[in-house]
Amino acid sequence: MPHGRFVVYSFTGDEQEMIDKSRTGVLPILKQQPGFVAYGVIIQDGKIFSMSAWDAERDAHAADEAAKGWVAENMDGQVVISALGDYAWLEFADHTS
């Protein structure tokens, strides 16, 4: 089962700017990390909900460290919640039919 990384950040400023910064800043960093499976962001009410999936626990931890540096340099927000762990379940769409 993939390992998950979930972080909630608070921020001030423009939501679209945060979306763009996440996509162009964090996504390339995460995609370069070993074990990358998926990454998604939800933005609502001054919070960024960042979710990712990794092949193994060590991959999720390494990605967490890689992302922390970018966040510290590029975002004015702060971490509200951070969690790393095995997904209890994670289901992907079946696009073979």
N, C-alpha and C. Protein backbone atom coordinates (compact mmCIF):
# COMPACT_ATOMS: atom_id res chain seq x y z
N MET A 1 0.85 -1.19 0.00
CA MET A 1 0.00 0.00 0.00
C MET A 1 0.89 1.24 0.00
N PRO A 2 0.55 2.24 -0.80
CA PRO A 2 1.36 3.47 -0.83
C PRO A 2 1.37 4.18 0.52
N HIS A 3 2.41 4.94 0.71
CA HIS A 3 2.58 5.75 1.90
C HIS A 3 2.11 7.16 1.57
N GLY A 4 1.45 7.82 2.51
CA GLY A 4 0.89 9.13 2.25
C GLY A 4 1.57 10.25 3.01
N ARG A 5 1.48 11.42 2.43
CA ARG A 5 1.96 12.66 3.05
C ARG A 5 0.82 13.65 2.96
N PHE A 6 0.44 14.24 4.09
CA PHE A 6 -0.66 15.20 4.13
C PHE A 6 -0.22 16.38 4.97
N VAL A 7 -0.31 17.58 4.40
CA VAL A 7 0.09 18.78 5.12
C VAL A 7 -0.96 19.85 4.89
N VAL A 8 -1.31 20.56 5.95
CA VAL A 8 -2.20 21.72 5.85
C VAL A 8 -1.38 22.95 6.22
N TYR A 9 -1.40 23.93 5.33
CA TYR A 9 -0.70 25.20 5.56
C TYR A 9 -1.74 26.31 5.63
N SER A 10 -1.50 27.29 6.48
CA SER A 10 -2.30 28.51 6.44
C SER A 10 -1.51 29.53 5.63
N PHE A 11 -2.22 30.43 4.97
CA PHE A 11 -1.54 31.46 4.18
C PHE A 11 -2.41 32.70 4.09
N THR A 12 -1.79 33.80 3.72
CA THR A 12 -2.52 35.02 3.41
C THR A 12 -2.23 35.34 1.95
N GLY A 13 -3.12 36.04 1.31
CA GLY A 13 -2.87 36.41 -0.07
C GLY A 13 -3.84 35.77 -1.03
N ASP A 14 -3.47 35.81 -2.28
CA ASP A 14 -4.31 35.38 -3.39
C ASP A 14 -4.29 33.85 -3.56
N GLU A 15 -5.48 33.23 -3.61
CA GLU A 15 -5.57 31.78 -3.78
C GLU A 15 -4.96 31.30 -5.09
N GLN A 16 -5.26 31.98 -6.18
CA GLN A 16 -4.73 31.55 -7.48
C GLN A 16 -3.21 31.61 -7.49
N GLU A 17 -2.65 32.61 -6.85
CA GLU A 17 -1.19 32.69 -6.75
C GLU A 17 -0.63 31.49 -6.00
N MET A 18 -1.30 31.07 -4.94
CA MET A 18 -0.85 29.89 -4.18
C MET A 18 -0.96 28.63 -5.02
N ILE A 19 -2.03 28.51 -5.80
CA ILE A 19 -2.19 27.35 -6.68
C ILE A 19 -1.04 27.31 -7.69
N ASP A 20 -0.79 28.45 -8.31
CA ASP A 20 0.28 28.52 -9.31
C ASP A 20 1.65 28.23 -8.69
N LYS A 21 1.90 28.79 -7.51
CA LYS A 21 3.18 28.56 -6.84
C LYS A 21 3.37 27.09 -6.50
N SER A 22 2.30 26.45 -6.03
CA SER A 22 2.39 25.03 -5.69
C SER A 22 2.67 24.17 -6.91
N ARG A 23 1.96 24.47 -7.99
CA ARG A 23 2.11 23.67 -9.21
C ARG A 23 3.49 23.86 -9.82
N THR A 24 3.98 25.09 -9.89
CA THR A 24 5.26 25.33 -10.55
C THR A 24 6.46 25.18 -9.61
N GLY A 25 6.22 25.22 -8.30
CA GLY A 25 7.32 25.14 -7.35
C GLY A 25 7.47 23.77 -6.70
N VAL A 26 6.43 23.31 -6.05
CA VAL A 26 6.50 22.06 -5.29
C VAL A 26 6.38 20.83 -6.18
N LEU A 27 5.44 20.85 -7.13
CA LEU A 27 5.22 19.67 -7.96
C LEU A 27 6.48 19.16 -8.65
N PRO A 28 7.28 20.01 -9.29
CA PRO A 28 8.51 19.49 -9.91
C PRO A 28 9.48 18.87 -8.90
N ILE A 29 9.55 19.44 -7.71
CA ILE A 29 10.42 18.88 -6.67
C ILE A 29 9.94 17.49 -6.30
N LEU A 30 8.65 17.33 -6.08
CA LEU A 30 8.11 16.04 -5.68
C LEU A 30 8.24 15.00 -6.79
N LYS A 31 7.99 15.41 -8.04
CA LYS A 31 8.10 14.48 -9.16
C LYS A 31 9.51 13.94 -9.35
N GLN A 32 10.50 14.70 -8.92
CA GLN A 32 11.90 14.26 -9.04
C GLN A 32 12.30 13.29 -7.93
N GLN A 33 11.48 13.16 -6.91
CA GLN A 33 11.81 12.29 -5.78
C GLN A 33 11.49 10.84 -6.12
N PRO A 34 12.32 9.92 -5.65
CA PRO A 34 12.02 8.49 -5.87
C PRO A 34 10.69 8.11 -5.24
N GLY A 35 9.97 7.24 -5.90
CA GLY A 35 8.74 6.70 -5.34
C GLY A 35 7.51 7.57 -5.50
N PHE A 36 7.60 8.65 -6.26
CA PHE A 36 6.45 9.54 -6.45
C PHE A 36 5.30 8.80 -7.13
N VAL A 37 4.09 8.94 -6.57
CA VAL A 37 2.89 8.33 -7.15
C VAL A 37 1.90 9.41 -7.58
N ALA A 38 1.59 10.34 -6.67
CA ALA A 38 0.58 11.35 -6.97
C ALA A 38 0.72 12.54 -6.03
N TYR A 39 0.19 13.70 -6.49
CA TYR A 39 0.19 14.91 -5.67
C TYR A 39 -1.04 15.72 -6.02
N GLY A 40 -1.68 16.28 -5.02
CA GLY A 40 -2.84 17.13 -5.24
C GLY A 40 -2.93 18.21 -4.18
N VAL A 41 -3.59 19.30 -4.54
CA VAL A 41 -3.74 20.44 -3.63
C VAL A 41 -5.19 20.90 -3.66
N ILE A 42 -5.72 21.17 -2.49
CA ILE A 42 -7.02 21.82 -2.35
C ILE A 42 -6.76 23.11 -1.59
N ILE A 43 -7.35 24.20 -2.05
CA ILE A 43 -7.20 25.48 -1.37
C ILE A 43 -8.59 25.97 -0.99
N GLN A 44 -8.73 26.30 0.32
CA GLN A 44 -10.03 26.76 0.80
C GLN A 44 -9.83 27.60 2.06
N ASP A 45 -10.46 28.76 2.09
CA ASP A 45 -10.50 29.61 3.28
C ASP A 45 -9.13 29.88 3.89
N GLY A 46 -8.16 30.24 3.06
CA GLY A 46 -6.84 30.58 3.56
C GLY A 46 -5.99 29.41 4.00
N LYS A 47 -6.36 28.21 3.54
CA LYS A 47 -5.59 27.01 3.87
C LYS A 47 -5.29 26.22 2.61
N ILE A 48 -4.11 25.62 2.58
CA ILE A 48 -3.71 24.73 1.50
C ILE A 48 -3.69 23.32 2.08
N PHE A 49 -4.41 22.41 1.46
CA PHE A 49 -4.43 21.00 1.84
C PHE A 49 -3.62 20.26 0.78
N SER A 50 -2.45 19.79 1.15
CA SER A 50 -1.52 19.16 0.22
C SER A 50 -1.48 17.66 0.50
N MET A 51 -1.76 16.85 -0.53
CA MET A 51 -1.79 15.41 -0.36
C MET A 51 -0.90 14.75 -1.40
N SER A 52 -0.14 13.75 -0.99
CA SER A 52 0.67 13.02 -1.95
C SER A 52 0.74 11.55 -1.56
N ALA A 53 1.10 10.73 -2.55
CA ALA A 53 1.24 9.29 -2.34
C ALA A 53 2.62 8.87 -2.83
N TRP A 54 3.21 7.92 -2.11
CA TRP A 54 4.58 7.47 -2.35
C TRP A 54 4.67 5.96 -2.27
N ASP A 55 5.64 5.39 -2.98
CA ASP A 55 5.80 3.93 -2.97
C ASP A 55 6.17 3.39 -1.60
N ALA A 56 6.94 4.15 -0.84
CA ALA A 56 7.42 3.63 0.45
C ALA A 56 7.55 4.77 1.47
N GLU A 57 7.62 4.40 2.72
CA GLU A 57 7.73 5.37 3.81
C GLU A 57 8.97 6.25 3.63
N ARG A 58 10.10 5.66 3.28
CA ARG A 58 11.33 6.46 3.12
C ARG A 58 11.18 7.50 2.02
N ASP A 59 10.41 7.16 0.96
CA ASP A 59 10.16 8.10 -0.13
C ASP A 59 9.34 9.29 0.36
N ALA A 60 8.32 9.03 1.15
CA ALA A 60 7.47 10.10 1.68
C ALA A 60 8.27 11.02 2.60
N HIS A 61 9.12 10.43 3.44
CA HIS A 61 9.95 11.25 4.34
C HIS A 61 10.94 12.10 3.57
N ALA A 62 11.56 11.54 2.56
CA ALA A 62 12.52 12.30 1.74
C ALA A 62 11.81 13.44 1.01
N ALA A 63 10.62 13.19 0.50
CA ALA A 63 9.85 14.23 -0.18
C ALA A 63 9.44 15.32 0.79
N ASP A 64 9.08 14.93 1.99
CA ASP A 64 8.70 15.91 3.01
C ASP A 64 9.86 16.86 3.28
N GLU A 65 11.05 16.32 3.41
CA GLU A 65 12.24 17.15 3.64
C GLU A 65 12.53 18.05 2.44
N ALA A 66 12.38 17.51 1.24
CA ALA A 66 12.63 18.30 0.03
C ALA A 66 11.63 19.45 -0.09
N ALA A 67 10.39 19.19 0.24
CA ALA A 67 9.35 20.22 0.12
C ALA A 67 9.49 21.30 1.19
N LYS A 68 9.95 20.93 2.38
CA LYS A 68 10.07 21.90 3.48
C LYS A 68 10.96 23.08 3.11
N GLY A 69 12.04 22.81 2.42
CA GLY A 69 12.94 23.88 2.02
C GLY A 69 12.27 24.87 1.09
N TRP A 70 11.55 24.35 0.10
CA TRP A 70 10.86 25.22 -0.84
C TRP A 70 9.79 26.04 -0.14
N VAL A 71 9.03 25.40 0.72
CA VAL A 71 7.95 26.09 1.44
C VAL A 71 8.52 27.21 2.31
N ALA A 72 9.60 26.93 3.02
CA ALA A 72 10.21 27.94 3.89
C ALA A 72 10.67 29.16 3.10
N GLU A 73 11.16 28.95 1.89
CA GLU A 73 11.67 30.05 1.07
C GLU A 73 10.60 30.78 0.27
N ASN A 74 9.47 30.13 0.00
CA ASN A 74 8.52 30.68 -0.97
C ASN A 74 7.11 30.95 -0.47
N MET A 75 6.80 30.57 0.75
CA MET A 75 5.44 30.78 1.25
C MET A 75 5.48 31.57 2.55
N ASP A 76 4.48 32.42 2.74
CA ASP A 76 4.41 33.19 3.97
C ASP A 76 3.58 32.49 5.04
N GLY A 77 3.07 31.32 4.74
CA GLY A 77 2.20 30.61 5.66
C GLY A 77 2.95 29.76 6.66
N GLN A 78 2.18 29.04 7.44
CA GLN A 78 2.78 28.14 8.40
C GLN A 78 2.04 26.81 8.40
N VAL A 79 2.73 25.76 8.82
CA VAL A 79 2.14 24.43 8.85
C VAL A 79 1.14 24.35 9.99
N VAL A 80 -0.07 23.89 9.68
CA VAL A 80 -1.11 23.71 10.68
C VAL A 80 -1.14 22.24 11.11
N ILE A 81 -1.06 21.34 10.14
CA ILE A 81 -1.08 19.89 10.38
C ILE A 81 -0.09 19.24 9.41
N SER A 82 0.64 18.26 9.89
CA SER A 82 1.53 17.48 9.02
C SER A 82 1.44 16.02 9.44
N ALA A 83 1.21 15.15 8.47
CA ALA A 83 1.09 13.73 8.78
C ALA A 83 1.72 12.89 7.68
N LEU A 84 2.44 11.86 8.09
CA LEU A 84 2.99 10.86 7.17
C LEU A 84 2.55 9.50 7.67
N GLY A 85 2.08 8.64 6.78
CA GLY A 85 1.67 7.31 7.21
C GLY A 85 1.17 6.47 6.05
N ASP A 86 0.96 5.20 6.35
CA ASP A 86 0.41 4.29 5.33
C ASP A 86 -1.05 4.63 5.11
N TYR A 87 -1.47 4.63 3.84
CA TYR A 87 -2.89 4.79 3.55
C TYR A 87 -3.63 3.58 4.09
N ALA A 88 -4.74 3.79 4.77
CA ALA A 88 -5.59 2.68 5.19
C ALA A 88 -6.18 2.03 3.94
N TRP A 89 -6.53 2.85 2.96
CA TRP A 89 -6.90 2.40 1.62
C TRP A 89 -6.75 3.57 0.66
N LEU A 90 -6.42 3.25 -0.54
CA LEU A 90 -6.26 4.23 -1.61
C LEU A 90 -6.65 3.53 -2.89
N GLU A 91 -7.68 4.02 -3.52
CA GLU A 91 -8.19 3.35 -4.72
C GLU A 91 -8.02 4.27 -5.93
N PHE A 92 -7.56 3.70 -7.01
CA PHE A 92 -7.39 4.43 -8.25
C PHE A 92 -8.49 4.04 -9.23
N ALA A 93 -8.87 4.94 -10.10
CA ALA A 93 -9.88 4.67 -11.11
C ALA A 93 -9.35 3.62 -12.09
N ASP A 94 -10.24 2.77 -12.55
CA ASP A 94 -9.88 1.77 -13.53
C ASP A 94 -10.20 2.33 -14.90
N HIS A 95 -9.17 2.72 -15.64
CA HIS A 95 -9.34 3.31 -16.96
C HIS A 95 -9.04 2.31 -18.09
N THR A 96 -9.10 1.03 -17.79
CA THR A 96 -8.77 0.02 -18.79
C THR A 96 -9.97 -0.36 -19.66
N SER A 97 -11.18 0.02 -19.25
CA SER A 97 -12.35 -0.39 -20.03
C SER A 97 -12.76 0.64 -21.04
